[in-house]
């Protein structure tokens, strides 16, 4: 029982964390009321680098793994942001199983059409396992793409959250797992049970 209460406390603390502590926040949350389907939403919280005037893509080189409790994880390729499909790089590379992975590039300039949405709906996935065991890890190079004023600061450039070797880049990121509605509904009962045990 103690382990269950501890897991719940960690889960709710994570869900209640303030957004915007890092330069990019990756939020994983249930889609509507379907607790087995989750969306991955990226938000750019930082100021644009000096000389750049707009955000072409919150998460341009997008490379991550999703893990859980060993249950099957299925990333829905059709739900991916259209910006990840380009004539140069093709569609995102997706693998599914007990560990799922996503590799997609939103190229700028004449190489493709990035998605400037902030927040950016990256993709959705299905997972029926323990939400407390759900996790997302960045792998290899992950970046964002700003655009400069062509007359003053031409073109676009990549700025890194993480480099190809997995080392921290110049911009930070955080991952927040938001529990399913059914799990949130249990929160008062779990907390009351914990209070009763302490008395």
C-alpha atoms as a PDB file:
ATOM      1  CA  UNK A   1       0.000   0.000   0.000  1.00  0.00           C
ATOM      2  CA  UNK A   2       2.841   2.402   0.813  1.00  0.00           C
ATOM      3  CA  UNK A   3       4.400   1.897  -2.629  1.00  0.00           C
ATOM      4  CA  UNK A   4       1.063   2.639  -4.301  1.00  0.00           C
ATOM      5  CA  UNK A   5       0.642   5.848  -2.320  1.00  0.00           C
ATOM      6  CA  UNK A   6       4.192   6.922  -3.141  1.00  0.00           C
ATOM      7  CA  UNK A   7       3.683   6.315  -6.854  1.00  0.00           C
ATOM      8  CA  UNK A   8       0.447   8.309  -6.795  1.00  0.00           C
ATOM      9  CA  UNK A   9       2.119  11.179  -4.950  1.00  0.00           C
ATOM     10  CA  UNK A  10       4.943  11.337  -7.497  1.00  0.00           C
ATOM     11  CA  UNK A  11       2.462  11.187 -10.372  1.00  0.00           C
ATOM     12  CA  UNK A  12       0.297  14.020  -9.063  1.00  0.00           C
ATOM     13  CA  UNK A  13       3.321  16.148  -8.187  1.00  0.00           C
ATOM     14  CA  UNK A  14       4.554  15.770 -11.766  1.00  0.00           C
ATOM     15  CA  UNK A  15       1.153  16.641 -13.195  1.00  0.00           C
ATOM     16  CA  UNK A  16       0.950  19.735 -11.011  1.00  0.00           C
ATOM     17  CA  UNK A  17       4.409  21.033 -11.893  1.00  0.00           C
ATOM     18  CA  UNK A  18       4.523  24.535 -13.300  1.00  0.00           C
ATOM     19  CA  UNK A  19       4.956  24.756 -17.053  1.00  0.00           C
ATOM     20  CA  UNK A  20       7.651  26.957 -18.476  1.00  0.00           C
ATOM     21  CA  UNK A  21      10.510  26.001 -16.185  1.00  0.00           C
ATOM     22  CA  UNK A  22      12.489  24.840 -19.237  1.00  0.00           C
ATOM     23  CA  UNK A  23      12.888  26.286 -22.721  1.00  0.00           C
ATOM     24  CA  UNK A  24      10.672  23.520 -24.148  1.00  0.00           C
ATOM     25  CA  UNK A  25       7.972  21.564 -22.310  1.00  0.00           C
ATOM     26  CA  UNK A  26       6.888  18.190 -23.690  1.00  0.00           C
ATOM     27  CA  UNK A  27       3.488  17.386 -22.222  1.00  0.00           C
ATOM     28  CA  UNK A  28       1.947  13.906 -22.457  1.00  0.00           C
ATOM     29  CA  UNK A  29      -1.784  13.917 -21.705  1.00  0.00           C
ATOM     30  CA  UNK A  30      -4.856  11.748 -22.335  1.00  0.00           C
ATOM     31  CA  UNK A  31      -6.801  12.579 -25.485  1.00  0.00           C
ATOM     32  CA  UNK A  32     -10.384  13.530 -24.534  1.00  0.00           C
ATOM     33  CA  UNK A  33     -11.862  10.908 -22.211  1.00  0.00           C
ATOM     34  CA  UNK A  34     -10.086   7.937 -23.799  1.00  0.00           C
ATOM     35  CA  UNK A  35      -7.564   7.047 -21.116  1.00  0.00           C
ATOM     36  CA  UNK A  36      -5.655   4.644 -23.398  1.00  0.00           C
ATOM     37  CA  UNK A  37      -4.815   7.314 -26.004  1.00  0.00           C
ATOM     38  CA  UNK A  38      -2.313  10.071 -25.326  1.00  0.00           C
ATOM     39  CA  UNK A  39      -1.145  13.174 -27.149  1.00  0.00           C
ATOM     40  CA  UNK A  40       2.399  14.554 -27.178  1.00  0.00           C
ATOM     41  CA  UNK A  41       2.345  18.358 -27.150  1.00  0.00           C
ATOM     42  CA  UNK A  42       5.487  20.506 -27.270  1.00  0.00           C
ATOM     43  CA  UNK A  43       5.535  24.136 -26.087  1.00  0.00           C
ATOM     44  CA  UNK A  44       8.402  26.577 -26.652  1.00  0.00           C
ATOM     45  CA  UNK A  45       8.714  28.772 -23.541  1.00  0.00           C
ATOM     46  CA  UNK A  46      11.922  30.696 -24.233  1.00  0.00           C
ATOM     47  CA  UNK A  47      12.684  33.946 -25.993  1.00  0.00           C
ATOM     48  CA  UNK A  48      13.832  33.609 -29.600  1.00  0.00           C
ATOM     49  CA  UNK A  49      17.594  33.755 -30.149  1.00  0.00           C
ATOM     50  CA  UNK A  50      18.953  37.209 -30.969  1.00  0.00           C
ATOM     51  CA  UNK A  51      18.270  38.250 -34.548  1.00  0.00           C
ATOM     52  CA  UNK A  52      15.425  35.783 -35.140  1.00  0.00           C
ATOM     53  CA  UNK A  53      11.877  37.049 -35.529  1.00  0.00           C
ATOM     54  CA  UNK A  54       9.575  34.022 -35.637  1.00  0.00           C
ATOM     55  CA  UNK A  55       9.346  30.389 -34.641  1.00  0.00           C
ATOM     56  CA  UNK A  56       9.255  27.960 -37.583  1.00  0.00           C
ATOM     57  CA  UNK A  57       9.087  24.846 -35.439  1.00  0.00           C
ATOM     58  CA  UNK A  58       9.053  24.174 -31.694  1.00  0.00           C
ATOM     59  CA  UNK A  59      10.661  20.743 -32.152  1.00  0.00           C
ATOM     60  CA  UNK A  60      12.292  20.404 -35.560  1.00  0.00           C
ATOM     61  CA  UNK A  61      14.682  17.440 -35.259  1.00  0.00           C
ATOM     62  CA  UNK A  62      12.381  15.279 -33.162  1.00  0.00           C
ATOM     63  CA  UNK A  63      13.846  12.045 -31.852  1.00  0.00           C
ATOM     64  CA  UNK A  64      12.416  10.295 -28.790  1.00  0.00           C
ATOM     65  CA  UNK A  65      11.523   6.979 -27.153  1.00  0.00           C
ATOM     66  CA  UNK A  66       8.416   6.195 -25.095  1.00  0.00           C
ATOM     67  CA  UNK A  67       8.569   3.473 -22.442  1.00  0.00           C
ATOM     68  CA  UNK A  68       6.027   2.101 -19.984  1.00  0.00           C
ATOM     69  CA  UNK A  69       5.419  -1.023 -17.941  1.00  0.00           C
ATOM     70  CA  UNK A  70       6.082  -3.410 -20.826  1.00  0.00           C
ATOM     71  CA  UNK A  71       2.610  -3.036 -22.329  1.00  0.00           C
ATOM     72  CA  UNK A  72       2.363  -2.359 -26.055  1.00  0.00           C
ATOM     73  CA  UNK A  73       2.825   1.261 -27.181  1.00  0.00           C
ATOM     74  CA  UNK A  74       1.511   2.190 -30.626  1.00  0.00           C
ATOM     75  CA  UNK A  75       2.317   5.572 -32.167  1.00  0.00           C
ATOM     76  CA  UNK A  76      -0.329   6.691 -34.667  1.00  0.00           C
ATOM     77  CA  UNK A  77       1.646   7.854 -37.715  1.00  0.00           C
ATOM     78  CA  UNK A  78      -1.472   9.435 -39.234  1.00  0.00           C
ATOM     79  CA  UNK A  79      -1.783  11.800 -36.253  1.00  0.00           C
ATOM     80  CA  UNK A  80       1.712  13.285 -36.657  1.00  0.00           C
ATOM     81  CA  UNK A  81       2.018  16.982 -37.477  1.00  0.00           C
ATOM     82  CA  UNK A  82       2.014  17.338 -41.309  1.00  0.00           C
ATOM     83  CA  UNK A  83       5.244  19.331 -41.067  1.00  0.00           C
ATOM     84  CA  UNK A  84       7.139  16.092 -40.414  1.00  0.00           C
ATOM     85  CA  UNK A  85       6.456  14.830 -43.951  1.00  0.00           C
ATOM     86  CA  UNK A  86       8.754  16.317 -46.595  1.00  0.00           C
ATOM     87  CA  UNK A  87       9.999  15.409 -50.056  1.00  0.00           C
ATOM     88  CA  UNK A  88      13.589  15.408 -48.744  1.00  0.00           C
ATOM     89  CA  UNK A  89      13.303  13.469 -45.473  1.00  0.00           C
ATOM     90  CA  UNK A  90      10.065  11.565 -46.060  1.00  0.00           C
ATOM     91  CA  UNK A  91       7.599  10.609 -43.323  1.00  0.00           C
ATOM     92  CA  UNK A  92       8.610  10.088 -39.676  1.00  0.00           C
ATOM     93  CA  UNK A  93      10.301   6.794 -38.812  1.00  0.00           C
ATOM     94  CA  UNK A  94       8.167   5.038 -36.197  1.00  0.00           C
ATOM     95  CA  UNK A  95       8.683   1.779 -34.317  1.00  0.00           C
ATOM     96  CA  UNK A  96       6.158   0.272 -31.900  1.00  0.00           C
ATOM     97  CA  UNK A  97       6.233  -2.319 -29.134  1.00  0.00           C
ATOM     98  CA  UNK A  98       7.015  -2.255 -25.409  1.00  0.00           C
ATOM     99  CA  UNK A  99       9.279   0.662 -26.354  1.00  0.00           C
ATOM    100  CA  UNK A 100       8.133   2.976 -29.150  1.00  0.00           C
ATOM    101  CA  UNK A 101      10.245   5.515 -31.010  1.00  0.00           C
ATOM    102  CA  UNK A 102       9.678   8.504 -33.283  1.00  0.00           C
ATOM    103  CA  UNK A 103      12.207  10.192 -35.566  1.00  0.00           C
ATOM    104  CA  UNK A 104      10.942  13.111 -37.638  1.00  0.00           C
ATOM    105  CA  UNK A 105      12.398  16.261 -39.157  1.00  0.00           C
ATOM    106  CA  UNK A 106      10.551  19.482 -39.960  1.00  0.00           C
ATOM    107  CA  UNK A 107      12.987  21.139 -42.388  1.00  0.00           C
ATOM    108  CA  UNK A 108      12.956  24.872 -43.039  1.00  0.00           C
ATOM    109  CA  UNK A 109      13.522  27.119 -46.014  1.00  0.00           C
ATOM    110  CA  UNK A 110      13.084  25.450 -49.379  1.00  0.00           C
ATOM    111  CA  UNK A 111      13.512  21.982 -47.890  1.00  0.00           C
ATOM    112  CA  UNK A 112      10.049  21.696 -46.417  1.00  0.00           C
ATOM    113  CA  UNK A 113       7.197  23.329 -44.510  1.00  0.00           C
ATOM    114  CA  UNK A 114       7.659  23.492 -40.729  1.00  0.00           C
ATOM    115  CA  UNK A 115       4.683  23.767 -38.384  1.00  0.00           C
ATOM    116  CA  UNK A 116       4.863  27.139 -36.545  1.00  0.00           C
ATOM    117  CA  UNK A 117       2.156  26.181 -34.020  1.00  0.00           C
ATOM    118  CA  UNK A 118       3.097  26.830 -30.402  1.00  0.00           C
ATOM    119  CA  UNK A 119       2.132  24.583 -28.721  1.00  0.00           C
ATOM    120  CA  UNK A 120       2.790  21.910 -31.337  1.00  0.00           C
ATOM    121  CA  UNK A 121       0.701  18.725 -31.412  1.00  0.00           C
ATOM    122  CA  UNK A 122       3.478  16.293 -32.338  1.00  0.00           C
ATOM    123  CA  UNK A 123       1.727  12.910 -32.461  1.00  0.00           C
ATOM    124  CA  UNK A 124      -0.661  10.601 -30.572  1.00  0.00           C
ATOM    125  CA  UNK A 125      -0.105   7.089 -29.232  1.00  0.00           C
ATOM    126  CA  UNK A 126      -2.046   4.256 -27.577  1.00  0.00           C
ATOM    127  CA  UNK A 127      -0.961   2.687 -24.290  1.00  0.00           C
ATOM    128  CA  UNK A 128      -3.126   0.707 -21.867  1.00  0.00           C
ATOM    129  CA  UNK A 129      -0.488   0.154 -19.175  1.00  0.00           C
ATOM    130  CA  UNK A 130       0.384   1.834 -15.880  1.00  0.00           C
ATOM    131  CA  UNK A 131       0.527   5.604 -16.392  1.00  0.00           C
ATOM    132  CA  UNK A 132       2.914   5.958 -13.459  1.00  0.00           C
ATOM    133  CA  UNK A 133       5.476   3.970 -15.488  1.00  0.00           C
ATOM    134  CA  UNK A 134       5.054   6.034 -18.657  1.00  0.00           C
ATOM    135  CA  UNK A 135       8.139   7.991 -19.693  1.00  0.00           C
ATOM    136  CA  UNK A 136       9.575   9.848 -22.683  1.00  0.00           C
ATOM    137  CA  UNK A 137      13.303  10.225 -23.359  1.00  0.00           C
ATOM    138  CA  UNK A 138      15.003  12.378 -25.995  1.00  0.00           C
ATOM    139  CA  UNK A 139      17.482  10.421 -28.137  1.00  0.00           C
ATOM    140  CA  UNK A 140      20.259  11.892 -30.269  1.00  0.00           C
ATOM    141  CA  UNK A 141      19.813  15.339 -31.832  1.00  0.00           C
ATOM    142  CA  UNK A 142      16.709  17.334 -30.906  1.00  0.00           C
ATOM    143  CA  UNK A 143      16.340  20.956 -31.934  1.00  0.00           C
ATOM    144  CA  UNK A 144      14.055  23.878 -32.719  1.00  0.00           C
ATOM    145  CA  UNK A 145      13.965  26.077 -35.794  1.00  0.00           C
ATOM    146  CA  UNK A 146      13.602  29.901 -35.759  1.00  0.00           C
ATOM    147  CA  UNK A 147      13.507  32.181 -38.805  1.00  0.00           C
ATOM    148  CA  UNK A 148      15.176  35.568 -39.204  1.00  0.00           C
ATOM    149  CA  UNK A 149      14.106  38.668 -41.062  1.00  0.00           C
ATOM    150  CA  UNK A 150      15.439  38.048 -44.614  1.00  0.00           C
ATOM    151  CA  UNK A 151      16.630  41.648 -44.960  1.00  0.00           C
ATOM    152  CA  UNK A 152      18.516  41.697 -41.665  1.00  0.00           C
ATOM    153  CA  UNK A 153      19.169  38.153 -40.455  1.00  0.00           C
ATOM    154  CA  UNK A 154      18.473  35.831 -43.397  1.00  0.00           C
ATOM    155  CA  UNK A 155      17.507  32.211 -43.339  1.00  0.00           C
ATOM    156  CA  UNK A 156      16.826  29.799 -40.519  1.00  0.00           C
ATOM    157  CA  UNK A 157      19.033  27.801 -38.196  1.00  0.00           C
ATOM    158  CA  UNK A 158      18.818  24.893 -35.775  1.00  0.00           C
ATOM    159  CA  UNK A 159      19.294  25.440 -32.043  1.00  0.00           C
ATOM    160  CA  UNK A 160      19.792  22.348 -29.917  1.00  0.00           C
ATOM    161  CA  UNK A 161      17.961  20.919 -26.925  1.00  0.00           C
ATOM    162  CA  UNK A 162      20.310  17.936 -27.203  1.00  0.00           C
ATOM    163  CA  UNK A 163      23.154  17.066 -29.590  1.00  0.00           C
ATOM    164  CA  UNK A 164      23.688  13.873 -31.628  1.00  0.00           C
ATOM    165  CA  UNK A 165      25.649  12.293 -28.764  1.00  0.00           C
ATOM    166  CA  UNK A 166      22.829  12.958 -26.286  1.00  0.00           C
ATOM    167  CA  UNK A 167      24.619  15.826 -24.541  1.00  0.00           C
ATOM    168  CA  UNK A 168      22.621  18.870 -23.373  1.00  0.00           C
ATOM    169  CA  UNK A 169      22.337  21.623 -25.972  1.00  0.00           C
ATOM    170  CA  UNK A 170      22.027  25.350 -25.382  1.00  0.00           C
ATOM    171  CA  UNK A 171      18.287  25.123 -24.638  1.00  0.00           C
ATOM    172  CA  UNK A 172      16.688  23.037 -21.911  1.00  0.00           C
ATOM    173  CA  UNK A 173      13.633  20.783 -21.995  1.00  0.00           C
ATOM    174  CA  UNK A 174      11.294  19.072 -19.540  1.00  0.00           C
ATOM    175  CA  UNK A 175       8.785  16.221 -19.849  1.00  0.00           C
ATOM    176  CA  UNK A 176       5.486  16.341 -17.948  1.00  0.00           C
ATOM    177  CA  UNK A 177       3.183  13.308 -17.739  1.00  0.00           C
ATOM    178  CA  UNK A 178      -0.433  14.302 -17.047  1.00  0.00           C
ATOM    179  CA  UNK A 179      -2.492  11.492 -15.464  1.00  0.00           C
ATOM    180  CA  UNK A 180      -5.683  10.184 -17.035  1.00  0.00           C
ATOM    181  CA  UNK A 181      -9.030  11.644 -15.869  1.00  0.00           C
ATOM    182  CA  UNK A 182      -9.976   8.383 -14.120  1.00  0.00           C
ATOM    183  CA  UNK A 183      -6.702   8.522 -12.174  1.00  0.00           C
ATOM    184  CA  UNK A 184      -7.292  12.146 -11.194  1.00  0.00           C
ATOM    185  CA  UNK A 185     -10.785  11.250  -9.950  1.00  0.00           C
ATOM    186  CA  UNK A 186      -9.189   8.823  -7.496  1.00  0.00           C
ATOM    187  CA  UNK A 187      -6.877  11.488  -6.045  1.00  0.00           C
ATOM    188  CA  UNK A 188      -9.188  12.609  -3.166  1.00  0.00           C
ATOM    189  CA  UNK A 189      -9.824   8.987  -2.121  1.00  0.00           C
ATOM    190  CA  UNK A 190      -6.105   8.174  -2.186  1.00  0.00           C
ATOM    191  CA  UNK A 191      -5.216  11.265  -0.157  1.00  0.00           C
ATOM    192  CA  UNK A 192      -8.015  10.628   2.376  1.00  0.00           C
ATOM    193  CA  UNK A 193      -6.836   7.030   2.797  1.00  0.00           C
ATOM    194  CA  UNK A 194      -3.314   8.296   3.435  1.00  0.00           C
ATOM    195  CA  UNK A 195      -4.564  10.772   6.049  1.00  0.00           C
ATOM    196  CA  UNK A 196      -6.565   8.049   7.818  1.00  0.00           C
ATOM    197  CA  UNK A 197      -3.491   5.789   7.952  1.00  0.00           C
ATOM    198  CA  UNK A 198      -1.438   8.558   9.575  1.00  0.00           C
ATOM    199  CA  UNK A 199      -3.992   9.125  12.384  1.00  0.00           C
END
